[in-house]
């Protein structure tokens, strides 16, 4: 996957040009579909970064917090994935759509990073012999795409 050209660019009209090659659109489409499945199961340990502990010292308060916010957080995530699914083949996005992309890309990246146990160090070489090499490459790509989205939303 070549990642040397900007994929998101603000236009003079105020919307955003989405310059994703077909293979990247295919990857994003598949990742969003996989995330929907994980969220439906709601038991995958990779989801823990999406629903972090609010009260580490009080299990009861933390459980109550999760009961109060979980459904709302899930609904927001599913809505963002819906936007990505309906616009993944678009050439232009409005700001609201790009914000949804930002949330969806970030969520997918968090889950992949959790499953890979990625450290805070953003720079690492991907060992092609590693069985998780493809997941590491996707994680890196999503970080790069997320950086562009954030940059274009906040010029």
C-alpha atoms as a PDB file:
ATOM      1  CA  UNK A   1       0.000   0.000   0.000  1.00  0.00           C
ATOM      2  CA  UNK A   2       1.657   3.220  -1.126  1.00  0.00           C
ATOM      3  CA  UNK A   3       1.259   5.988   1.412  1.00  0.00           C
ATOM      4  CA  UNK A   4       3.138   8.888  -0.110  1.00  0.00           C
ATOM      5  CA  UNK A   5       0.244  11.008  -1.411  1.00  0.00           C
ATOM      6  CA  UNK A   6      -2.209  12.964   0.705  1.00  0.00           C
ATOM      7  CA  UNK A   7      -5.508  11.112   0.943  1.00  0.00           C
ATOM      8  CA  UNK A   8      -7.613  13.916   2.458  1.00  0.00           C
ATOM      9  CA  UNK A   9      -7.542  17.532   1.344  1.00  0.00           C
ATOM     10  CA  UNK A  10      -9.764  20.489   2.214  1.00  0.00           C
ATOM     11  CA  UNK A  11     -11.156  22.182  -0.892  1.00  0.00           C
ATOM     12  CA  UNK A  12     -11.815  25.874  -1.444  1.00  0.00           C
ATOM     13  CA  UNK A  13     -15.532  25.096  -1.169  1.00  0.00           C
ATOM     14  CA  UNK A  14     -15.003  23.943   2.417  1.00  0.00           C
ATOM     15  CA  UNK A  15     -15.603  20.254   1.857  1.00  0.00           C
ATOM     16  CA  UNK A  16     -12.932  17.570   1.713  1.00  0.00           C
ATOM     17  CA  UNK A  17     -11.544  15.637  -1.202  1.00  0.00           C
ATOM     18  CA  UNK A  18     -11.087  11.943  -0.441  1.00  0.00           C
ATOM     19  CA  UNK A  19      -8.230  10.578  -2.559  1.00  0.00           C
ATOM     20  CA  UNK A  20      -8.194   6.922  -1.597  1.00  0.00           C
ATOM     21  CA  UNK A  21      -7.069   4.312  -4.116  1.00  0.00           C
ATOM     22  CA  UNK A  22      -9.478   1.410  -4.596  1.00  0.00           C
ATOM     23  CA  UNK A  23      -7.359  -1.019  -2.553  1.00  0.00           C
ATOM     24  CA  UNK A  24      -7.420   1.339   0.446  1.00  0.00           C
ATOM     25  CA  UNK A  25     -11.190   1.756   0.141  1.00  0.00           C
ATOM     26  CA  UNK A  26     -11.473  -2.046   0.115  1.00  0.00           C
ATOM     27  CA  UNK A  27      -9.370  -2.326   3.283  1.00  0.00           C
ATOM     28  CA  UNK A  28     -11.389   0.354   5.083  1.00  0.00           C
ATOM     29  CA  UNK A  29     -14.668  -1.272   4.026  1.00  0.00           C
ATOM     30  CA  UNK A  30     -13.483  -4.638   5.403  1.00  0.00           C
ATOM     31  CA  UNK A  31     -12.191  -3.121   8.650  1.00  0.00           C
ATOM     32  CA  UNK A  32     -15.474  -1.339   9.350  1.00  0.00           C
ATOM     33  CA  UNK A  33     -17.390  -4.546   8.694  1.00  0.00           C
ATOM     34  CA  UNK A  34     -15.112  -6.449  11.082  1.00  0.00           C
ATOM     35  CA  UNK A  35     -15.552  -3.746  13.729  1.00  0.00           C
ATOM     36  CA  UNK A  36     -19.332  -4.017  13.472  1.00  0.00           C
ATOM     37  CA  UNK A  37     -19.028  -7.750  14.172  1.00  0.00           C
ATOM     38  CA  UNK A  38     -16.731  -7.164  17.167  1.00  0.00           C
ATOM     39  CA  UNK A  39     -19.040  -4.516  18.597  1.00  0.00           C
ATOM     40  CA  UNK A  40     -22.041  -6.815  18.179  1.00  0.00           C
ATOM     41  CA  UNK A  41     -20.266  -9.557  20.139  1.00  0.00           C
ATOM     42  CA  UNK A  42     -19.086  -7.012  22.745  1.00  0.00           C
ATOM     43  CA  UNK A  43     -16.814  -9.613  24.352  1.00  0.00           C
ATOM     44  CA  UNK A  44     -13.577  -9.176  22.422  1.00  0.00           C
ATOM     45  CA  UNK A  45     -10.707  -8.074  24.703  1.00  0.00           C
ATOM     46  CA  UNK A  46      -9.526  -5.751  21.927  1.00  0.00           C
ATOM     47  CA  UNK A  47     -12.514  -3.517  22.656  1.00  0.00           C
ATOM     48  CA  UNK A  48     -11.261  -2.541  26.112  1.00  0.00           C
ATOM     49  CA  UNK A  49      -9.649   0.669  24.796  1.00  0.00           C
ATOM     50  CA  UNK A  50     -13.022   1.755  23.423  1.00  0.00           C
ATOM     51  CA  UNK A  51     -14.622   1.475  26.857  1.00  0.00           C
ATOM     52  CA  UNK A  52     -11.849   2.361  29.319  1.00  0.00           C
ATOM     53  CA  UNK A  53     -12.131   2.142  33.069  1.00  0.00           C
ATOM     54  CA  UNK A  54     -13.464   5.345  34.581  1.00  0.00           C
ATOM     55  CA  UNK A  55     -13.053   4.411  38.249  1.00  0.00           C
ATOM     56  CA  UNK A  56     -10.060   2.117  38.661  1.00  0.00           C
ATOM     57  CA  UNK A  57     -10.346   2.127  42.458  1.00  0.00           C
ATOM     58  CA  UNK A  58     -14.081   1.483  42.650  1.00  0.00           C
ATOM     59  CA  UNK A  59     -15.487  -1.492  40.760  1.00  0.00           C
ATOM     60  CA  UNK A  60     -19.077  -0.652  41.645  1.00  0.00           C
ATOM     61  CA  UNK A  61     -18.824   2.948  40.431  1.00  0.00           C
ATOM     62  CA  UNK A  62     -17.041   1.791  37.295  1.00  0.00           C
ATOM     63  CA  UNK A  63     -19.779  -0.746  36.508  1.00  0.00           C
ATOM     64  CA  UNK A  64     -22.419   1.931  37.012  1.00  0.00           C
ATOM     65  CA  UNK A  65     -20.518   4.316  34.739  1.00  0.00           C
ATOM     66  CA  UNK A  66     -20.360   1.669  32.008  1.00  0.00           C
ATOM     67  CA  UNK A  67     -24.077   0.926  32.352  1.00  0.00           C
ATOM     68  CA  UNK A  68     -24.805   4.635  31.877  1.00  0.00           C
ATOM     69  CA  UNK A  69     -22.540   5.366  28.896  1.00  0.00           C
ATOM     70  CA  UNK A  70     -21.993   2.092  27.039  1.00  0.00           C
ATOM     71  CA  UNK A  71     -25.120   2.181  24.861  1.00  0.00           C
ATOM     72  CA  UNK A  72     -24.566   5.824  23.902  1.00  0.00           C
ATOM     73  CA  UNK A  73     -20.915   5.191  22.999  1.00  0.00           C
ATOM     74  CA  UNK A  74     -21.896   2.129  20.999  1.00  0.00           C
ATOM     75  CA  UNK A  75     -24.594   4.050  19.114  1.00  0.00           C
ATOM     76  CA  UNK A  76     -22.130   6.817  18.234  1.00  0.00           C
ATOM     77  CA  UNK A  77     -19.592   4.311  16.987  1.00  0.00           C
ATOM     78  CA  UNK A  78     -22.143   2.466  14.889  1.00  0.00           C
ATOM     79  CA  UNK A  79     -23.349   5.772  13.417  1.00  0.00           C
ATOM     80  CA  UNK A  80     -19.770   6.702  12.474  1.00  0.00           C
ATOM     81  CA  UNK A  81     -19.252   3.293  10.858  1.00  0.00           C
ATOM     82  CA  UNK A  82     -22.492   3.800   8.927  1.00  0.00           C
ATOM     83  CA  UNK A  83     -21.169   7.092   7.555  1.00  0.00           C
ATOM     84  CA  UNK A  84     -17.914   5.441   6.490  1.00  0.00           C
ATOM     85  CA  UNK A  85     -19.783   2.568   4.857  1.00  0.00           C
ATOM     86  CA  UNK A  86     -22.032   4.918   2.878  1.00  0.00           C
ATOM     87  CA  UNK A  87     -19.226   7.296   1.847  1.00  0.00           C
ATOM     88  CA  UNK A  88     -16.236   4.974   1.380  1.00  0.00           C
ATOM     89  CA  UNK A  89     -16.578   5.258  -2.408  1.00  0.00           C
ATOM     90  CA  UNK A  90     -17.181   9.033  -2.385  1.00  0.00           C
ATOM     91  CA  UNK A  91     -14.699  11.529  -3.777  1.00  0.00           C
ATOM     92  CA  UNK A  92     -15.838  14.314  -1.444  1.00  0.00           C
ATOM     93  CA  UNK A  93     -16.986  14.487   2.158  1.00  0.00           C
ATOM     94  CA  UNK A  94     -18.516  17.288   4.164  1.00  0.00           C
ATOM     95  CA  UNK A  95     -17.089  18.186   7.577  1.00  0.00           C
ATOM     96  CA  UNK A  96     -19.618  16.104   9.507  1.00  0.00           C
ATOM     97  CA  UNK A  97     -18.811  13.045   7.398  1.00  0.00           C
ATOM     98  CA  UNK A  98     -15.066  13.549   7.835  1.00  0.00           C
ATOM     99  CA  UNK A  99     -15.509  13.856  11.609  1.00  0.00           C
ATOM    100  CA  UNK A 100     -17.320  10.507  11.515  1.00  0.00           C
ATOM    101  CA  UNK A 101     -14.419   9.063   9.512  1.00  0.00           C
ATOM    102  CA  UNK A 102     -12.024  10.396  12.135  1.00  0.00           C
ATOM    103  CA  UNK A 103     -13.897   8.605  14.911  1.00  0.00           C
ATOM    104  CA  UNK A 104     -14.233   5.362  12.973  1.00  0.00           C
ATOM    105  CA  UNK A 105     -10.576   5.272  11.878  1.00  0.00           C
ATOM    106  CA  UNK A 106      -9.473   6.049  15.418  1.00  0.00           C
ATOM    107  CA  UNK A 107     -11.663   3.298  16.884  1.00  0.00           C
ATOM    108  CA  UNK A 108     -10.388   0.692  14.418  1.00  0.00           C
ATOM    109  CA  UNK A 109      -6.813   1.773  15.104  1.00  0.00           C
ATOM    110  CA  UNK A 110      -7.329   1.555  18.878  1.00  0.00           C
ATOM    111  CA  UNK A 111      -8.691  -1.985  18.627  1.00  0.00           C
ATOM    112  CA  UNK A 112      -5.887  -3.152  16.329  1.00  0.00           C
ATOM    113  CA  UNK A 113      -3.287  -1.492  18.554  1.00  0.00           C
ATOM    114  CA  UNK A 114      -4.773  -3.152  21.631  1.00  0.00           C
ATOM    115  CA  UNK A 115      -4.741  -6.572  19.991  1.00  0.00           C
ATOM    116  CA  UNK A 116      -1.117  -6.026  18.907  1.00  0.00           C
ATOM    117  CA  UNK A 117      -0.180  -4.634  22.329  1.00  0.00           C
ATOM    118  CA  UNK A 118       1.402  -1.636  20.617  1.00  0.00           C
ATOM    119  CA  UNK A 119       3.465   0.551  22.909  1.00  0.00           C
ATOM    120  CA  UNK A 120       3.359   4.323  23.002  1.00  0.00           C
ATOM    121  CA  UNK A 121       6.382   4.458  20.670  1.00  0.00           C
ATOM    122  CA  UNK A 122       4.859   5.302  17.277  1.00  0.00           C
ATOM    123  CA  UNK A 123       8.013   4.404  15.350  1.00  0.00           C
ATOM    124  CA  UNK A 124       8.892   0.786  14.832  1.00  0.00           C
ATOM    125  CA  UNK A 125      10.051  -1.411  12.002  1.00  0.00           C
ATOM    126  CA  UNK A 126       7.618  -4.010  10.767  1.00  0.00           C
ATOM    127  CA  UNK A 127       9.241  -7.417  10.577  1.00  0.00           C
ATOM    128  CA  UNK A 128       7.760  -9.064   7.485  1.00  0.00           C
ATOM    129  CA  UNK A 129       8.314 -12.488   9.079  1.00  0.00           C
ATOM    130  CA  UNK A 130       6.077 -11.528  12.010  1.00  0.00           C
ATOM    131  CA  UNK A 131       2.661 -13.220  11.707  1.00  0.00           C
ATOM    132  CA  UNK A 132       1.124  -9.884  12.704  1.00  0.00           C
ATOM    133  CA  UNK A 133       3.025  -7.909  10.044  1.00  0.00           C
ATOM    134  CA  UNK A 134      -0.127  -7.147   8.056  1.00  0.00           C
ATOM    135  CA  UNK A 135      -1.955  -5.941  11.165  1.00  0.00           C
ATOM    136  CA  UNK A 136       1.031  -3.728  12.051  1.00  0.00           C
ATOM    137  CA  UNK A 137       1.025  -2.295   8.524  1.00  0.00           C
ATOM    138  CA  UNK A 138      -2.704  -1.555   8.733  1.00  0.00           C
ATOM    139  CA  UNK A 139      -2.233   0.020  12.171  1.00  0.00           C
ATOM    140  CA  UNK A 140       0.510   2.268  10.764  1.00  0.00           C
ATOM    141  CA  UNK A 141      -1.597   3.161   7.722  1.00  0.00           C
ATOM    142  CA  UNK A 142      -4.603   4.067   9.883  1.00  0.00           C
ATOM    143  CA  UNK A 143      -2.403   6.301  12.035  1.00  0.00           C
ATOM    144  CA  UNK A 144      -1.132   8.046   8.918  1.00  0.00           C
ATOM    145  CA  UNK A 145      -4.672   8.489   7.566  1.00  0.00           C
ATOM    146  CA  UNK A 146      -5.933   9.716  10.938  1.00  0.00           C
ATOM    147  CA  UNK A 147      -3.137  12.290  11.079  1.00  0.00           C
ATOM    148  CA  UNK A 148      -4.237  13.644   7.692  1.00  0.00           C
ATOM    149  CA  UNK A 149      -7.889  13.812   8.708  1.00  0.00           C
ATOM    150  CA  UNK A 150      -7.061  15.708  11.899  1.00  0.00           C
ATOM    151  CA  UNK A 151      -4.713  18.029  10.017  1.00  0.00           C
ATOM    152  CA  UNK A 152      -7.350  18.905   7.423  1.00  0.00           C
ATOM    153  CA  UNK A 153     -10.086  19.416  10.007  1.00  0.00           C
ATOM    154  CA  UNK A 154      -7.849  21.744  12.024  1.00  0.00           C
ATOM    155  CA  UNK A 155      -5.794  23.746   9.515  1.00  0.00           C
END
